[in-house]
C-alpha atoms as a PDB file:
ATOM      1  CA  MET A   1       0.039   0.048   0.026  1.00  0.00           C
ATOM      2  CA  GLU A   2       1.416   3.333  -1.097  1.00  0.00           C
ATOM      3  CA  VAL A   3       1.331   6.279   1.227  1.00  0.00           C
ATOM      4  CA  ASP A   4       1.359   9.673  -0.202  1.00  0.00           C
ATOM      5  CA  GLU A   5       3.702  12.485   0.836  1.00  0.00           C
ATOM      6  CA  GLU A   6       1.052  14.423   2.712  1.00  0.00           C
ATOM      7  CA  THR A   7       0.158  11.366   4.813  1.00  0.00           C
ATOM      8  CA  ARG A   8       3.854  10.760   5.524  1.00  0.00           C
ATOM      9  CA  ASP A   9       4.169  14.517   6.579  1.00  0.00           C
ATOM     10  CA  GLN A  10       1.235  14.083   8.926  1.00  0.00           C
ATOM     11  CA  PHE A  11       2.745  10.940  10.472  1.00  0.00           C
ATOM     12  CA  ARG A  12       6.091  12.896  10.879  1.00  0.00           C
ATOM     13  CA  SER A  13       4.155  15.653  12.586  1.00  0.00           C
ATOM     14  CA  VAL A  14       2.343  13.338  14.918  1.00  0.00           C
ATOM     15  CA  ASN A  15       5.513  11.589  15.597  1.00  0.00           C
ATOM     16  CA  ASP A  16       7.168  14.936  16.430  1.00  0.00           C
ATOM     17  CA  GLN A  17       4.395  15.975  18.584  1.00  0.00           C
ATOM     18  CA  PHE A  18       4.588  12.629  20.442  1.00  0.00           C
ATOM     19  CA  GLN A  19       8.359  13.085  20.763  1.00  0.00           C
ATOM     20  CA  ARG A  20       7.959  16.516  22.230  1.00  0.00           C
ATOM     21  CA  LEU A  21       5.257  15.288  24.636  1.00  0.00           C
ATOM     22  CA  PHE A  22       7.423  12.356  25.747  1.00  0.00           C
ATOM     23  CA  ASP A  23      10.454  14.669  26.168  1.00  0.00           C
ATOM     24  CA  PHE A  24       8.397  17.169  28.213  1.00  0.00           C
ATOM     25  CA  LEU A  25       7.087  14.244  30.384  1.00  0.00           C
ATOM     26  CA  ASP A  26      10.541  12.750  30.792  1.00  0.00           C
ATOM     27  CA  ARG A  27      11.731  16.208  32.022  1.00  0.00           C
ATOM     28  CA  ARG A  28       8.727  16.591  34.364  1.00  0.00           C
ATOM     29  CA  PHE A  29       8.986  13.082  35.835  1.00  0.00           C
ATOM     30  CA  THR A  30      12.756  13.548  36.209  1.00  0.00           C
ATOM     31  CA  ALA A  31      12.237  16.705  38.242  1.00  0.00           C
ATOM     32  CA  ILE A  32       9.588  14.945  40.274  1.00  0.00           C
ATOM     33  CA  ASP A  33      11.769  12.069  40.860  1.00  0.00           C
ATOM     34  CA  GLY A  34      14.478  14.513  42.114  1.00  0.00           C
ATOM     35  CA  ARG A  35      12.030  16.067  44.493  1.00  0.00           C
ATOM     36  CA  PHE A  36      11.076  12.731  45.786  1.00  0.00           C
ATOM     37  CA  ASP A  37      14.707  11.701  46.347  1.00  0.00           C
ATOM     38  CA  ARG A  38      15.167  14.958  48.270  1.00  0.00           C
ATOM     39  CA  VAL A  39      12.101  14.314  50.437  1.00  0.00           C
ATOM     40  CA  GLU A  40      13.281  10.720  51.120  1.00  0.00           C
ATOM     41  CA  GLY A  41      16.575  12.098  52.140  1.00  0.00           C
ATOM     42  CA  ASP A  42      14.989  14.692  54.496  1.00  0.00           C
ATOM     43  CA  ILE A  43      12.795  11.987  55.979  1.00  0.00           C
ATOM     44  CA  SER A  44      15.866   9.621  56.409  1.00  0.00           C
ATOM     45  CA  GLU A  45      17.747  12.387  58.199  1.00  0.00           C
ATOM     46  CA  LEU A  46      14.773  13.144  60.318  1.00  0.00           C
ATOM     47  CA  ARG A  47      14.290   9.399  61.196  1.00  0.00           C
ATOM     48  CA  ASP A  48      18.056   9.216  62.086  1.00  0.00           C
ATOM     49  CA  GLU A  49      17.670  12.354  64.291  1.00  0.00           C
ATOM     50  CA  MET A  50      14.525  10.951  66.065  1.00  0.00           C
ATOM     51  CA  GLN A  51      16.189   7.603  66.632  1.00  0.00           C
ATOM     52  CA  THR A  52      19.286   9.352  68.174  1.00  0.00           C
ATOM     53  CA  ASN A  53      16.936  11.288  70.387  1.00  0.00           C
ATOM     54  CA  PHE A  54      15.117   8.194  71.520  1.00  0.00           C
ATOM     55  CA  ASP A  55      18.355   6.402  72.256  1.00  0.00           C
ATOM     56  CA  ALA A  56      19.447   9.490  74.375  1.00  0.00           C
ATOM     57  CA  LEU A  57      16.071   9.232  76.232  1.00  0.00           C
ATOM     58  CA  TYR A  58      16.424   5.554  76.799  1.00  0.00           C
ATOM     59  CA  LYS A  59      19.977   6.027  78.032  1.00  0.00           C
ATOM     60  CA  ARG A  60      18.818   8.770  80.488  1.00  0.00           C
ATOM     61  CA  ASP A  61      15.971   6.485  81.551  1.00  0.00           C
ATOM     62  CA  GLU A  62      18.419   3.669  82.232  1.00  0.00           C
ATOM     63  CA  ASP A  63      20.750   6.083  84.073  1.00  0.00           C
ATOM     64  CA  ARG A  64      17.951   7.118  86.253  1.00  0.00           C
ATOM     65  CA  GLN A  65      16.947   3.514  86.882  1.00  0.00           C
ATOM     66  CA  ILE A  66      20.512   2.621  88.020  1.00  0.00           C
ATOM     67  CA  GLU A  67      20.548   5.843  90.228  1.00  0.00           C
ATOM     68  CA  TYR A  68      17.225   4.823  91.784  1.00  0.00           C
ATOM     69  CA  GLN A  69      18.506   1.375  92.574  1.00  0.00           C
ATOM     70  CA  ALA A  70      21.666   2.877  94.059  1.00  0.00           C
ATOM     71  CA  ILE A  71      19.596   5.268  96.279  1.00  0.00           C
ATOM     72  CA  LYS A  72      17.271   2.559  97.244  1.00  0.00           C
ATOM     73  CA  ALA A  73      20.195   0.427  98.348  1.00  0.00           C
ATOM     74  CA  ALA A  74      21.855   3.234 100.154  1.00  0.00           C
ATOM     75  CA  LEU A  75      18.593   3.984 101.993  1.00  0.00           C
ATOM     76  CA  SER A  76      18.183   0.414 102.975  1.00  0.00           C
ATOM     77  CA  ARG A  77      21.699   0.631 104.504  1.00  0.00           C
ATOM     78  CA  VAL A  78      20.780   3.821 106.315  1.00  0.00           C
ATOM     79  CA  GLU A  79      17.693   2.154 107.696  1.00  0.00           C
ATOM     80  CA  ILE A  80      19.918  -0.739 108.914  1.00  0.00           C
ATOM     81  CA  SER A  81      22.220   1.731 110.515  1.00  0.00           C
ATOM     82  CA  GLU A  82      19.358   3.563 112.117  1.00  0.00           C
ATOM     83  CA  VAL A  83      18.300   0.192 113.742  1.00  0.00           C
ATOM     84  CA  SER A  84      21.761  -0.444 114.955  1.00  0.00           C
ATOM     85  CA  ILE A  85      22.128   3.152 116.269  1.00  0.00           C
ATOM     86  CA  ASP A  86      18.916   2.989 118.053  1.00  0.00           C
ATOM     87  CA  ALA A  87      19.930  -0.379 119.760  1.00  0.00           C
ATOM     88  CA  ARG A  88      23.209   1.105 120.844  1.00  0.00           C
ATOM     89  CA  VAL A  89      21.550   4.344 122.215  1.00  0.00           C
ATOM     90  CA  ALA A  90      19.118   2.108 124.056  1.00  0.00           C
ATOM     91  CA  ALA A  91      22.101   0.178 125.483  1.00  0.00           C
ATOM     92  CA  LEU A  92      23.709   3.384 126.502  1.00  0.00           C
ATOM     93  CA  GLU A  93      20.654   4.732 128.090  1.00  0.00           C
ATOM     94  CA  ALA A  94      20.219   1.447 129.981  1.00  0.00           C
ATOM     95  CA  ALA A  95      23.856   1.557 131.136  1.00  0.00           C
ATOM     96  CA  LEU A  96      23.355   5.292 132.242  1.00  0.00           C
ATOM     97  CA  ARG A  97      20.245   4.231 134.310  1.00  0.00           C
ATOM     98  CA  GLY A  98      22.230   1.470 135.699  1.00  0.00           C
ATOM     99  CA  ASP A  99      20.007  -1.196 134.124  1.00  0.00           C
ATOM    100  CA  HIS A 100      22.474  -3.725 132.620  1.00  0.00           C
ATOM    101  CA  ASP A 101      19.994  -6.299 131.513  1.00  0.00           C
ATOM    102  CA  ALA A 102      18.803  -4.272 128.481  1.00  0.00           C
END
């Protein structure tokens, strides 16, 4: 089947239009991809920062738990010392009263 010159020109024109459209869309999608890449990078940085902050919070909480246990142990020792001191004071008071059976 023979195609005349005018039809060939129309096909070339349509082909050129499609090529310009595809080139335009390619540039647009490339630009959009770049923006998505930047957003993904920003999100990644934010996620890293948030994880670092959570790690710091967990570390501070762990430090507080250790400090709490140390204070609790020290308070227990103080309470034991208080009982011992109370017994010694009672013995001294008894000795001062002359009551040696206490």
